[in-house]
Amino acid sequence: MDTSFAITFFGALFAIMNPVTNLPVFLSVTDGAPVTVQRQIAVKTALYSLVLGAGFAVAGSQLLTLFGISVDDFRVAGGLVVLLIALNMLNGKESSSHHGTGAEKDSYPAPEPWPFIR
């Protein structure tokens, strides 16, 4: 693998995943959980992300081609989603893409006490 490609790839991956910003989210979600449970959740999350990322890296282009979607179409759609979320944030409204609709919130299961790792 070319060194410049690797630096560009991992730099983009770091920017997309943004672990510095996601750390407070992780800590708030696992608030009250023992450290061992937090580690288990972190390892599972990293493993699932690795598997999904590898799967999309291998078969992503073929999957988009199967549905007749070009990469540019995907970029435009992603940009529109980010734009709508940003506009909702500017207006101070709660976005259903972040918090769910009212019906979805009503169907949320009651939180289980820790540890819920199976």
PDB file of N, CA and C in Angstrom:
ATOM      1  N   MET A   1       0.840  -1.168   0.000  1.00  0.00           N
ATOM      2  CA  MET A   1       0.000   0.000   0.000  1.00  0.00           C
ATOM      3  C   MET A   1       0.890   1.238   0.000  1.00  0.00           C
ATOM      4  N   ASP A   2       0.530   2.177  -0.826  1.00  0.00           N
ATOM      5  CA  ASP A   2       1.267   3.421  -0.928  1.00  0.00           C
ATOM      6  C   ASP A   2       1.121   4.217   0.378  1.00  0.00           C
ATOM      7  N   THR A   3       2.203   4.819   0.844  1.00  0.00           N
ATOM      8  CA  THR A   3       2.190   5.539   2.110  1.00  0.00           C
ATOM      9  C   THR A   3       1.249   6.734   2.074  1.00  0.00           C
ATOM     10  N   SER A   4       1.245   7.478   0.995  1.00  0.00           N
ATOM     11  CA  SER A   4       0.359   8.645   0.912  1.00  0.00           C
ATOM     12  C   SER A   4      -1.110   8.219   0.897  1.00  0.00           C
ATOM     13  N   PHE A   5      -1.413   7.089   0.244  1.00  0.00           N
ATOM     14  CA  PHE A   5      -2.788   6.578   0.246  1.00  0.00           C
ATOM     15  C   PHE A   5      -3.197   6.170   1.653  1.00  0.00           C
ATOM     16  N   ALA A   6      -2.292   5.489   2.371  1.00  0.00           N
ATOM     17  CA  ALA A   6      -2.605   5.052   3.729  1.00  0.00           C
ATOM     18  C   ALA A   6      -2.853   6.240   4.644  1.00  0.00           C
ATOM     19  N   ILE A   7      -2.035   7.276   4.525  1.00  0.00           N
ATOM     20  CA  ILE A   7      -2.221   8.466   5.364  1.00  0.00           C
ATOM     21  C   ILE A   7      -3.551   9.143   5.032  1.00  0.00           C
ATOM     22  N   THR A   8      -3.852   9.260   3.762  1.00  0.00           N
ATOM     23  CA  THR A   8      -5.120   9.868   3.350  1.00  0.00           C
ATOM     24  C   THR A   8      -6.307   9.034   3.817  1.00  0.00           C
ATOM     25  N   PHE A   9      -6.208   7.714   3.665  1.00  0.00           N
ATOM     26  CA  PHE A   9      -7.300   6.820   4.053  1.00  0.00           C
ATOM     27  C   PHE A   9      -7.560   6.887   5.549  1.00  0.00           C
ATOM     28  N   PHE A  10      -6.516   6.721   6.350  1.00  0.00           N
ATOM     29  CA  PHE A  10      -6.711   6.719   7.797  1.00  0.00           C
ATOM     30  C   PHE A  10      -7.037   8.112   8.329  1.00  0.00           C
ATOM     31  N   GLY A  11      -6.569   9.156   7.661  1.00  0.00           N
ATOM     32  CA  GLY A  11      -6.960  10.512   8.047  1.00  0.00           C
ATOM     33  C   GLY A  11      -8.445  10.745   7.813  1.00  0.00           C
ATOM     34  N   ALA A  12      -8.937  10.292   6.663  1.00  0.00           N
ATOM     35  CA  ALA A  12     -10.367  10.420   6.371  1.00  0.00           C
ATOM     36  C   ALA A  12     -11.192   9.567   7.321  1.00  0.00           C
ATOM     37  N   LEU A  13     -10.721   8.363   7.605  1.00  0.00           N
ATOM     38  CA  LEU A  13     -11.429   7.480   8.527  1.00  0.00           C
ATOM     39  C   LEU A  13     -11.504   8.101   9.919  1.00  0.00           C
ATOM     40  N   PHE A  14     -10.413   8.705  10.371  1.00  0.00           N
ATOM     41  CA  PHE A  14     -10.391   9.366  11.674  1.00  0.00           C
ATOM     42  C   PHE A  14     -11.362  10.543  11.688  1.00  0.00           C
ATOM     43  N   ALA A  15     -11.410  11.298  10.598  1.00  0.00           N
ATOM     44  CA  ALA A  15     -12.315  12.446  10.530  1.00  0.00           C
ATOM     45  C   ALA A  15     -13.774  12.006  10.523  1.00  0.00           C
ATOM     46  N   ILE A  16     -14.071  10.904   9.862  1.00  0.00           N
ATOM     47  CA  ILE A  16     -15.450  10.410   9.799  1.00  0.00           C
ATOM     48  C   ILE A  16     -15.877   9.837  11.147  1.00  0.00           C
ATOM     49  N   MET A  17     -15.042   9.017  11.742  1.00  0.00           N
ATOM     50  CA  MET A  17     -15.383   8.382  13.017  1.00  0.00           C
ATOM     51  C   MET A  17     -15.344   9.379  14.178  1.00  0.00           C
ATOM     52  N   ASN A  18     -14.419  10.333  14.130  1.00  0.00           N
ATOM     53  CA  ASN A  18     -14.276  11.397  15.114  1.00  0.00           C
ATOM     54  C   ASN A  18     -14.346  10.888  16.558  1.00  0.00           C
ATOM     55  N   PRO A  19     -13.370  10.092  16.978  1.00  0.00           N
ATOM     56  CA  PRO A  19     -13.423   9.508  18.319  1.00  0.00           C
ATOM     57  C   PRO A  19     -13.369  10.546  19.435  1.00  0.00           C
ATOM     58  N   VAL A  20     -12.750  11.685  19.209  1.00  0.00           N
ATOM     59  CA  VAL A  20     -12.657  12.711  20.246  1.00  0.00           C
ATOM     60  C   VAL A  20     -14.047  13.251  20.575  1.00  0.00           C
ATOM     61  N   THR A  21     -14.870  13.470  19.564  1.00  0.00           N
ATOM     62  CA  THR A  21     -16.218  13.972  19.788  1.00  0.00           C
ATOM     63  C   THR A  21     -17.160  12.880  20.256  1.00  0.00           C
ATOM     64  N   ASN A  22     -16.940  11.646  19.835  1.00  0.00           N
ATOM     65  CA  ASN A  22     -17.834  10.555  20.204  1.00  0.00           C
ATOM     66  C   ASN A  22     -17.578  10.014  21.607  1.00  0.00           C
ATOM     67  N   LEU A  23     -16.447  10.334  22.198  1.00  0.00           N
ATOM     68  CA  LEU A  23     -16.154   9.838  23.541  1.00  0.00           C
ATOM     69  C   LEU A  23     -17.172  10.312  24.573  1.00  0.00           C
ATOM     70  N   PRO A  24     -17.540  11.595  24.630  1.00  0.00           N
ATOM     71  CA  PRO A  24     -18.571  11.993  25.598  1.00  0.00           C
ATOM     72  C   PRO A  24     -19.921  11.319  25.359  1.00  0.00           C
ATOM     73  N   VAL A  25     -20.252  11.063  24.095  1.00  0.00           N
ATOM     74  CA  VAL A  25     -21.501  10.365  23.793  1.00  0.00           C
ATOM     75  C   VAL A  25     -21.443   8.944  24.360  1.00  0.00           C
ATOM     76  N   PHE A  26     -20.326   8.264  24.132  1.00  0.00           N
ATOM     77  CA  PHE A  26     -20.154   6.912  24.653  1.00  0.00           C
ATOM     78  C   PHE A  26     -20.248   6.908  26.176  1.00  0.00           C
ATOM     79  N   LEU A  27     -19.579   7.850  26.823  1.00  0.00           N
ATOM     80  CA  LEU A  27     -19.589   7.897  28.284  1.00  0.00           C
ATOM     81  C   LEU A  27     -20.979   8.213  28.831  1.00  0.00           C
ATOM     82  N   SER A  28     -21.751   9.048  28.127  1.00  0.00           N
ATOM     83  CA  SER A  28     -23.102   9.349  28.604  1.00  0.00           C
ATOM     84  C   SER A  28     -24.039   8.159  28.406  1.00  0.00           C
ATOM     85  N   VAL A  29     -23.837   7.400  27.328  1.00  0.00           N
ATOM     86  CA  VAL A  29     -24.678   6.228  27.083  1.00  0.00           C
ATOM     87  C   VAL A  29     -24.371   5.123  28.091  1.00  0.00           C
ATOM     88  N   THR A  30     -23.126   4.979  28.449  1.00  0.00           N
ATOM     89  CA  THR A  30     -22.732   3.917  29.377  1.00  0.00           C
ATOM     90  C   THR A  30     -22.587   4.428  30.812  1.00  0.00           C
ATOM     91  N   ASP A  31     -23.198   5.566  31.116  1.00  0.00           N
ATOM     92  CA  ASP A  31     -23.115   6.140  32.449  1.00  0.00           C
ATOM     93  C   ASP A  31     -23.684   5.161  33.477  1.00  0.00           C
ATOM     94  N   GLY A  32     -22.935   4.924  34.518  1.00  0.00           N
ATOM     95  CA  GLY A  32     -23.369   4.015  35.566  1.00  0.00           C
ATOM     96  C   GLY A  32     -22.956   2.573  35.349  1.00  0.00           C
ATOM     97  N   ALA A  33     -22.423   2.269  34.202  1.00  0.00           N
ATOM     98  CA  ALA A  33     -21.979   0.904  33.922  1.00  0.00           C
ATOM     99  C   ALA A  33     -20.593   0.698  34.516  1.00  0.00           C
ATOM    100  N   PRO A  34     -20.329  -0.496  34.989  1.00  0.00           N
ATOM    101  CA  PRO A  34     -18.972  -0.776  35.469  1.00  0.00           C
ATOM    102  C   PRO A  34     -17.957  -0.653  34.334  1.00  0.00           C
ATOM    103  N   VAL A  35     -16.705  -0.422  34.702  1.00  0.00           N
ATOM    104  CA  VAL A  35     -15.650  -0.231  33.705  1.00  0.00           C
ATOM    105  C   VAL A  35     -15.509  -1.465  32.819  1.00  0.00           C
ATOM    106  N   THR A  36     -15.679  -2.648  33.382  1.00  0.00           N
ATOM    107  CA  THR A  36     -15.550  -3.868  32.571  1.00  0.00           C
ATOM    108  C   THR A  36     -16.644  -3.932  31.501  1.00  0.00           C
ATOM    109  N   VAL A  37     -17.847  -3.510  31.850  1.00  0.00           N
ATOM    110  CA  VAL A  37     -18.944  -3.501  30.881  1.00  0.00           C
ATOM    111  C   VAL A  37     -18.678  -2.446  29.813  1.00  0.00           C
ATOM    112  N   GLN A  38     -18.169  -1.279  30.217  1.00  0.00           N
ATOM    113  CA  GLN A  38     -17.828  -0.247  29.241  1.00  0.00           C
ATOM    114  C   GLN A  38     -16.779  -0.757  28.258  1.00  0.00           C
ATOM    115  N   ARG A  39     -15.799  -1.497  28.773  1.00  0.00           N
ATOM    116  CA  ARG A  39     -14.776  -2.058  27.877  1.00  0.00           C
ATOM    117  C   ARG A  39     -15.384  -3.061  26.913  1.00  0.00           C
ATOM    118  N   GLN A  40     -16.282  -3.906  27.413  1.00  0.00           N
ATOM    119  CA  GLN A  40     -16.932  -4.891  26.541  1.00  0.00           C
ATOM    120  C   GLN A  40     -17.722  -4.189  25.436  1.00  0.00           C
ATOM    121  N   ILE A  41     -18.440  -3.147  25.791  1.00  0.00           N
ATOM    122  CA  ILE A  41     -19.222  -2.404  24.807  1.00  0.00           C
ATOM    123  C   ILE A  41     -18.291  -1.755  23.785  1.00  0.00           C
ATOM    124  N   ALA A  42     -17.196  -1.167  24.245  1.00  0.00           N
ATOM    125  CA  ALA A  42     -16.251  -0.508  23.341  1.00  0.00           C
ATOM    126  C   ALA A  42     -15.624  -1.514  22.376  1.00  0.00           C
ATOM    127  N   VAL A  43     -15.248  -2.677  22.881  1.00  0.00           N
ATOM    128  CA  VAL A  43     -14.631  -3.698  22.026  1.00  0.00           C
ATOM    129  C   VAL A  43     -15.646  -4.216  21.002  1.00  0.00           C
ATOM    130  N   LYS A  44     -16.877  -4.483  21.450  1.00  0.00           N
ATOM    131  CA  LYS A  44     -17.901  -4.949  20.517  1.00  0.00           C
ATOM    132  C   LYS A  44     -18.193  -3.900  19.449  1.00  0.00           C
ATOM    133  N   THR A  45     -18.292  -2.644  19.857  1.00  0.00           N
ATOM    134  CA  THR A  45     -18.557  -1.572  18.909  1.00  0.00           C
ATOM    135  C   THR A  45     -17.434  -1.450  17.888  1.00  0.00           C
ATOM    136  N   ALA A  46     -16.196  -1.516  18.351  1.00  0.00           N
ATOM    137  CA  ALA A  46     -15.054  -1.432  17.439  1.00  0.00           C
ATOM    138  C   ALA A  46     -15.037  -2.624  16.483  1.00  0.00           C
ATOM    139  N   LEU A  47     -15.335  -3.805  16.991  1.00  0.00           N
ATOM    140  CA  LEU A  47     -15.357  -5.003  16.147  1.00  0.00           C
ATOM    141  C   LEU A  47     -16.464  -4.917  15.093  1.00  0.00           C
ATOM    142  N   TYR A  48     -17.665  -4.517  15.510  1.00  0.00           N
ATOM    143  CA  TYR A  48     -18.769  -4.385  14.559  1.00  0.00           C
ATOM    144  C   TYR A  48     -18.448  -3.330  13.504  1.00  0.00           C
ATOM    145  N   SER A  49     -17.861  -2.218  13.928  1.00  0.00           N
ATOM    146  CA  SER A  49     -17.496  -1.167  12.977  1.00  0.00           C
ATOM    147  C   SER A  49     -16.457  -1.663  11.983  1.00  0.00           C
ATOM    148  N   LEU A  50     -15.496  -2.433  12.467  1.00  0.00           N
ATOM    149  CA  LEU A  50     -14.466  -2.992  11.591  1.00  0.00           C
ATOM    150  C   LEU A  50     -15.077  -3.941  10.563  1.00  0.00           C
ATOM    151  N   VAL A  51     -15.968  -4.810  11.014  1.00  0.00           N
ATOM    152  CA  VAL A  51     -16.592  -5.772  10.102  1.00  0.00           C
ATOM    153  C   VAL A  51     -17.460  -5.058   9.069  1.00  0.00           C
ATOM    154  N   LEU A  52     -18.285  -4.108   9.516  1.00  0.00           N
ATOM    155  CA  LEU A  52     -19.128  -3.378   8.575  1.00  0.00           C
ATOM    156  C   LEU A  52     -18.302  -2.534   7.612  1.00  0.00           C
ATOM    157  N   GLY A  53     -17.266  -1.875   8.117  1.00  0.00           N
ATOM    158  CA  GLY A  53     -16.401  -1.076   7.251  1.00  0.00           C
ATOM    159  C   GLY A  53     -15.710  -1.927   6.206  1.00  0.00           C
ATOM    160  N   ALA A  54     -15.214  -3.091   6.616  1.00  0.00           N
ATOM    161  CA  ALA A  54     -14.563  -4.000   5.669  1.00  0.00           C
ATOM    162  C   ALA A  54     -15.566  -4.525   4.645  1.00  0.00           C
ATOM    163  N   GLY A  55     -16.769  -4.835   5.105  1.00  0.00           N
ATOM    164  CA  GLY A  55     -17.795  -5.322   4.182  1.00  0.00           C
ATOM    165  C   GLY A  55     -18.159  -4.292   3.128  1.00  0.00           C
ATOM    166  N   PHE A  56     -18.320  -3.045   3.559  1.00  0.00           N
ATOM    167  CA  PHE A  56     -18.645  -1.999   2.595  1.00  0.00           C
ATOM    168  C   PHE A  56     -17.455  -1.652   1.714  1.00  0.00           C
ATOM    169  N   ALA A  57     -16.247  -1.776   2.232  1.00  0.00           N
ATOM    170  CA  ALA A  57     -15.066  -1.525   1.406  1.00  0.00           C
ATOM    171  C   ALA A  57     -14.957  -2.572   0.295  1.00  0.00           C
ATOM    172  N   VAL A  58     -15.331  -3.808   0.611  1.00  0.00           N
ATOM    173  CA  VAL A  58     -15.232  -4.891  -0.368  1.00  0.00           C
ATOM    174  C   VAL A  58     -16.403  -4.870  -1.344  1.00  0.00           C
ATOM    175  N   ALA A  59     -17.629  -4.708  -0.830  1.00  0.00           N
ATOM    176  CA  ALA A  59     -18.809  -4.878  -1.674  1.00  0.00           C
ATOM    177  C   ALA A  59     -19.623  -3.610  -1.869  1.00  0.00           C
ATOM    178  N   GLY A  60     -19.157  -2.465  -1.382  1.00  0.00           N
ATOM    179  CA  GLY A  60     -19.946  -1.236  -1.463  1.00  0.00           C
ATOM    180  C   GLY A  60     -20.216  -0.776  -2.870  1.00  0.00           C
ATOM    181  N   SER A  61     -19.205  -0.770  -3.716  1.00  0.00           N
ATOM    182  CA  SER A  61     -19.383  -0.325  -5.104  1.00  0.00           C
ATOM    183  C   SER A  61     -20.346  -1.233  -5.854  1.00  0.00           C
ATOM    184  N   GLN A  62     -20.218  -2.528  -5.640  1.00  0.00           N
ATOM    185  CA  GLN A  62     -21.106  -3.471  -6.314  1.00  0.00           C
ATOM    186  C   GLN A  62     -22.548  -3.306  -5.834  1.00  0.00           C
ATOM    187  N   LEU A  63     -22.722  -3.024  -4.555  1.00  0.00           N
ATOM    188  CA  LEU A  63     -24.057  -2.835  -4.005  1.00  0.00           C
ATOM    189  C   LEU A  63     -24.708  -1.572  -4.575  1.00  0.00           C
ATOM    190  N   LEU A  64     -23.944  -0.489  -4.681  1.00  0.00           N
ATOM    191  CA  LEU A  64     -24.474   0.731  -5.281  1.00  0.00           C
ATOM    192  C   LEU A  64     -24.808   0.513  -6.750  1.00  0.00           C
ATOM    193  N   THR A  65     -23.960  -0.198  -7.467  1.00  0.00           N
ATOM    194  CA  THR A  65     -24.207  -0.486  -8.879  1.00  0.00           C
ATOM    195  C   THR A  65     -25.457  -1.344  -9.041  1.00  0.00           C
ATOM    196  N   LEU A  66     -25.657  -2.292  -8.124  1.00  0.00           N
ATOM    197  CA  LEU A  66     -26.834  -3.160  -8.175  1.00  0.00           C
ATOM    198  C   LEU A  66     -28.117  -2.345  -8.119  1.00  0.00           C
ATOM    199  N   PHE A  67     -28.140  -1.298  -7.306  1.00  0.00           N
ATOM    200  CA  PHE A  67     -29.327  -0.462  -7.178  1.00  0.00           C
ATOM    201  C   PHE A  67     -29.330   0.719  -8.149  1.00  0.00           C
ATOM    202  N   GLY A  68     -28.305   0.827  -8.988  1.00  0.00           N
ATOM    203  CA  GLY A  68     -28.248   1.885  -9.987  1.00  0.00           C
ATOM    204  C   GLY A  68     -27.926   3.250  -9.403  1.00  0.00           C
ATOM    205  N   ILE A  69     -27.181   3.276  -8.321  1.00  0.00           N
ATOM    206  CA  ILE A  69     -26.823   4.530  -7.660  1.00  0.00           C
ATOM    207  C   ILE A  69     -25.348   4.798  -7.927  1.00  0.00           C
ATOM    208  N   SER A  70     -25.045   5.996  -8.392  1.00  0.00           N
ATOM    209  CA  SER A  70     -23.642   6.351  -8.584  1.00  0.00           C
ATOM    210  C   SER A  70     -23.092   6.932  -7.285  1.00  0.00           C
ATOM    211  N   VAL A  71     -21.796   6.990  -7.184  1.00  0.00           N
ATOM    212  CA  VAL A  71     -21.159   7.545  -5.990  1.00  0.00           C
ATOM    213  C   VAL A  71     -21.521   9.016  -5.840  1.00  0.00           C
ATOM    214  N   ASP A  72     -21.613   9.725  -6.959  1.00  0.00           N
ATOM    215  CA  ASP A  72     -21.983  11.140  -6.892  1.00  0.00           C
ATOM    216  C   ASP A  72     -23.416  11.319  -6.381  1.00  0.00           C
ATOM    217  N   ASP A  73     -24.335  10.427  -6.803  1.00  0.00           N
ATOM    218  CA  ASP A  73     -25.706  10.477  -6.274  1.00  0.00           C
ATOM    219  C   ASP A  73     -25.696  10.268  -4.764  1.00  0.00           C
ATOM    220  N   PHE A  74     -24.880   9.341  -4.310  1.00  0.00           N
ATOM    221  CA  PHE A  74     -24.775   9.043  -2.887  1.00  0.00           C
ATOM    222  C   PHE A  74     -24.219  10.241  -2.123  1.00  0.00           C
ATOM    223  N   ARG A  75     -23.254  10.930  -2.715  1.00  0.00           N
ATOM    224  CA  ARG A  75     -22.683  12.119  -2.082  1.00  0.00           C
ATOM    225  C   ARG A  75     -23.708  13.237  -1.966  1.00  0.00           C
ATOM    226  N   VAL A  76     -24.488  13.439  -3.013  1.00  0.00           N
ATOM    227  CA  VAL A  76     -25.511  14.486  -2.984  1.00  0.00           C
ATOM    228  C   VAL A  76     -26.564  14.161  -1.919  1.00  0.00           C
ATOM    229  N   ALA A  77     -27.002  12.915  -1.866  1.00  0.00           N
ATOM    230  CA  ALA A  77     -27.998  12.525  -0.866  1.00  0.00           C
ATOM    231  C   ALA A  77     -27.454  12.697   0.547  1.00  0.00           C
ATOM    232  N   GLY A  78     -26.215  12.301   0.771  1.00  0.00           N
ATOM    233  CA  GLY A  78     -25.607  12.482   2.081  1.00  0.00           C
ATOM    234  C   GLY A  78     -25.467  13.944   2.450  1.00  0.00           C
ATOM    235  N   GLY A  79     -25.118  14.769   1.479  1.00  0.00           N
ATOM    236  CA  GLY A  79     -25.011  16.199   1.727  1.00  0.00           C
ATOM    237  C   GLY A  79     -26.356  16.816   2.079  1.00  0.00           C
ATOM    238  N   LEU A  80     -27.418  16.370   1.413  1.00  0.00           N
ATOM    239  CA  LEU A  80     -28.752  16.879   1.728  1.00  0.00           C
ATOM    240  C   LEU A  80     -29.192  16.471   3.131  1.00  0.00           C
ATOM    241  N   VAL A  81     -28.886  15.260   3.533  1.00  0.00           N
ATOM    242  CA  VAL A  81     -29.227  14.815   4.885  1.00  0.00           C
ATOM    243  C   VAL A  81     -28.491  15.660   5.922  1.00  0.00           C
ATOM    244  N   VAL A  82     -27.208  15.886   5.711  1.00  0.00           N
ATOM    245  CA  VAL A  82     -26.425  16.720   6.635  1.00  0.00           C
ATOM    246  C   VAL A  82     -26.969  18.141   6.654  1.00  0.00           C
ATOM    247  N   LEU A  83     -27.356  18.679   5.490  1.00  0.00           N
ATOM    248  CA  LEU A  83     -27.928  20.024   5.418  1.00  0.00           C
ATOM    249  C   LEU A  83     -29.212  20.120   6.229  1.00  0.00           C
ATOM    250  N   LEU A  84     -30.100  19.139   6.081  1.00  0.00           N
ATOM    251  CA  LEU A  84     -31.360  19.163   6.820  1.00  0.00           C
ATOM    252  C   LEU A  84     -31.132  19.062   8.325  1.00  0.00           C
ATOM    253  N   ILE A  85     -30.207  18.227   8.740  1.00  0.00           N
ATOM    254  CA  ILE A  85     -29.893  18.121  10.170  1.00  0.00           C
ATOM    255  C   ILE A  85     -29.335  19.439  10.682  1.00  0.00           C
ATOM    256  N   ALA A  86     -28.454  20.070   9.894  1.00  0.00           N
ATOM    257  CA  ALA A  86     -27.863  21.343  10.306  1.00  0.00           C
ATOM    258  C   ALA A  86     -28.924  22.432  10.404  1.00  0.00           C
ATOM    259  N   LEU A  87     -29.853  22.474   9.454  1.00  0.00           N
ATOM    260  CA  LEU A  87     -30.913  23.475   9.516  1.00  0.00           C
ATOM    261  C   LEU A  87     -31.811  23.279  10.730  1.00  0.00           C
ATOM    262  N   ASN A  88     -32.107  22.018  11.052  1.00  0.00           N
ATOM    263  CA  ASN A  88     -32.895  21.745  12.264  1.00  0.00           C
ATOM    264  C   ASN A  88     -32.144  22.178  13.517  1.00  0.00           C
ATOM    265  N   MET A  89     -30.834  21.967  13.530  1.00  0.00           N
ATOM    266  CA  MET A  89     -30.042  22.378  14.683  1.00  0.00           C
ATOM    267  C   MET A  89     -30.023  23.903  14.805  1.00  0.00           C
ATOM    268  N   LEU A  90     -29.944  24.612  13.682  1.00  0.00           N
ATOM    269  CA  LEU A  90     -29.948  26.069  13.715  1.00  0.00           C
ATOM    270  C   LEU A  90     -31.282  26.626  14.205  1.00  0.00           C
ATOM    271  N   ASN A  91     -32.371  25.938  13.861  1.00  0.00           N
ATOM    272  CA  ASN A  91     -33.688  26.380  14.292  1.00  0.00           C
ATOM    273  C   ASN A  91     -33.999  25.966  15.722  1.00  0.00           C
ATOM    274  N   GLY A  92     -33.172  25.133  16.315  1.00  0.00           N
ATOM    275  CA  GLY A  92     -33.401  24.688  17.681  1.00  0.00           C
ATOM    276  C   GLY A  92     -34.476  23.630  17.800  1.00  0.00           C
ATOM    277  N   LYS A  93     -34.814  23.006  16.688  1.00  0.00           N
ATOM    278  CA  LYS A  93     -35.845  21.968  16.719  1.00  0.00           C
ATOM    279  C   LYS A  93     -35.196  20.614  16.919  1.00  0.00           C
ATOM    280  N   GLU A  94     -35.932  19.730  17.563  1.00  0.00           N
ATOM    281  CA  GLU A  94     -35.457  18.366  17.764  1.00  0.00           C
ATOM    282  C   GLU A  94     -35.672  17.592  16.471  1.00  0.00           C
ATOM    283  N   SER A  95     -34.613  17.027  15.932  1.00  0.00           N
ATOM    284  CA  SER A  95     -34.694  16.301  14.671  1.00  0.00           C
ATOM    285  C   SER A  95     -35.121  14.860  14.921  1.00  0.00           C
ATOM    286  N   SER A  96     -36.103  14.393  14.146  1.00  0.00           N
ATOM    287  CA  SER A  96     -36.532  13.001  14.293  1.00  0.00           C
ATOM    288  C   SER A  96     -35.448  12.036  13.846  1.00  0.00           C
ATOM    289  N   SER A  97     -34.502  12.512  13.023  1.00  0.00           N
ATOM    290  CA  SER A  97     -33.407  11.636  12.614  1.00  0.00           C
ATOM    291  C   SER A  97     -32.445  11.389  13.773  1.00  0.00           C
ATOM    292  N   HIS A  98     -32.409  12.286  14.744  1.00  0.00           N
ATOM    293  CA  HIS A  98     -31.555  12.085  15.920  1.00  0.00           C
ATOM    294  C   HIS A  98     -32.306  11.476  17.091  1.00  0.00           C
ATOM    295  N   HIS A  99     -33.539  11.903  17.291  1.00  0.00           N
ATOM    296  CA  HIS A  99     -34.262  11.511  18.496  1.00  0.00           C
ATOM    297  C   HIS A  99     -35.428  10.572  18.233  1.00  0.00           C
ATOM    298  N   GLY A 100     -35.776  10.359  16.990  1.00  0.00           N
ATOM    299  CA  GLY A 100     -36.887   9.483  16.654  1.00  0.00           C
ATOM    300  C   GLY A 100     -38.208  10.237  16.636  1.00  0.00           C
ATOM    301  N   THR A 101     -39.187   9.658  15.980  1.00  0.00           N
ATOM    302  CA  THR A 101     -40.513  10.260  15.948  1.00  0.00           C
ATOM    303  C   THR A 101     -41.235   9.949  17.247  1.00  0.00           C
ATOM    304  N   GLY A 102     -42.387  10.570  17.435  1.00  0.00           N
ATOM    305  CA  GLY A 102     -43.157  10.324  18.661  1.00  0.00           C
ATOM    306  C   GLY A 102     -43.543   8.859  18.804  1.00  0.00           C
ATOM    307  N   ALA A 103     -43.967   8.240  17.700  1.00  0.00           N
ATOM    308  CA  ALA A 103     -44.354   6.827  17.743  1.00  0.00           C
ATOM    309  C   ALA A 103     -43.152   5.944  18.070  1.00  0.00           C
ATOM    310  N   GLU A 104     -41.979   6.312  17.525  1.00  0.00           N
ATOM    311  CA  GLU A 104     -40.778   5.533  17.831  1.00  0.00           C
ATOM    312  C   GLU A 104     -40.398   5.668  19.297  1.00  0.00           C
ATOM    313  N   LYS A 105     -40.524   6.875  19.836  1.00  0.00           N
ATOM    314  CA  LYS A 105     -40.184   7.080  21.245  1.00  0.00           C
ATOM    315  C   LYS A 105     -41.108   6.283  22.158  1.00  0.00           C
ATOM    316  N   ASP A 106     -42.402   6.198  21.794  1.00  0.00           N
ATOM    317  CA  ASP A 106     -43.347   5.434  22.602  1.00  0.00           C
ATOM    318  C   ASP A 106     -43.041   3.944  22.582  1.00  0.00           C
ATOM    319  N   SER A 107     -42.440   3.472  21.494  1.00  0.00           N
ATOM    320  CA  SER A 107     -42.149   2.040  21.375  1.00  0.00           C
ATOM    321  C   SER A 107     -40.778   1.662  21.924  1.00  0.00           C
ATOM    322  N   TYR A 108     -39.999   2.647  22.401  1.00  0.00           N
ATOM    323  CA  TYR A 108     -38.688   2.323  22.969  1.00  0.00           C
ATOM    324  C   TYR A 108     -38.863   1.421  24.184  1.00  0.00           C
ATOM    325  N   PRO A 109     -38.049   0.389  24.301  1.00  0.00           N
ATOM    326  CA  PRO A 109     -38.146  -0.457  25.493  1.00  0.00           C
ATOM    327  C   PRO A 109     -37.605   0.285  26.717  1.00  0.00           C
ATOM    328  N   ALA A 110     -38.083  -0.121  27.861  1.00  0.00           N
ATOM    329  CA  ALA A 110     -37.588   0.472  29.102  1.00  0.00           C
ATOM    330  C   ALA A 110     -36.112   0.099  29.256  1.00  0.00           C
ATOM    331  N   PRO A 111     -35.284   1.030  29.725  1.00  0.00           N
ATOM    332  CA  PRO A 111     -33.860   0.703  29.863  1.00  0.00           C
ATOM    333  C   PRO A 111     -33.649  -0.416  30.879  1.00  0.00           C
ATOM    334  N   GLU A 112     -32.747  -1.305  30.509  1.00  0.00           N
ATOM    335  CA  GLU A 112     -32.420  -2.416  31.392  1.00  0.00           C
ATOM    336  C   GLU A 112     -31.314  -1.983  32.345  1.00  0.00           C
ATOM    337  N   PRO A 113     -31.319  -2.533  33.528  1.00  0.00           N
ATOM    338  CA  PRO A 113     -30.201  -2.206  34.452  1.00  0.00           C
ATOM    339  C   PRO A 113     -28.931  -2.864  33.959  1.00  0.00           C
ATOM    340  N   TRP A 114     -27.798  -2.260  34.330  1.00  0.00           N
ATOM    341  CA  TRP A 114     -26.507  -2.812  33.951  1.00  0.00           C
ATOM    342  C   TRP A 114     -26.278  -4.084  34.720  1.00  0.00           C
ATOM    343  N   PRO A 115     -25.534  -5.019  34.279  1.00  0.00           N
ATOM    344  CA  PRO A 115     -24.972  -5.152  32.929  1.00  0.00           C
ATOM    345  C   PRO A 115     -25.955  -5.855  32.018  1.00  0.00           C
ATOM    346  N   PHE A 116     -26.124  -5.337  30.826  1.00  0.00           N
ATOM    347  CA  PHE A 116     -26.997  -5.978  29.861  1.00  0.00           C
ATOM    348  C   PHE A 116     -26.221  -6.631  28.736  1.00  0.00           C
ATOM    349  N   ILE A 117     -24.916  -6.728  28.869  1.00  0.00           N
ATOM    350  CA  ILE A 117     -24.099  -7.397  27.867  1.00  0.00           C
ATOM    351  C   ILE A 117     -24.371  -8.896  27.931  1.00  0.00           C
ATOM    352  N   ARG A 118     -24.649  -9.439  26.778  1.00  0.00           N
ATOM    353  CA  ARG A 118     -24.940 -10.885  26.734  1.00  0.00           C
ATOM    354  C   ARG A 118     -23.855 -11.596  26.008  1.00  0.00           C
TER     355      ARG A 118
END
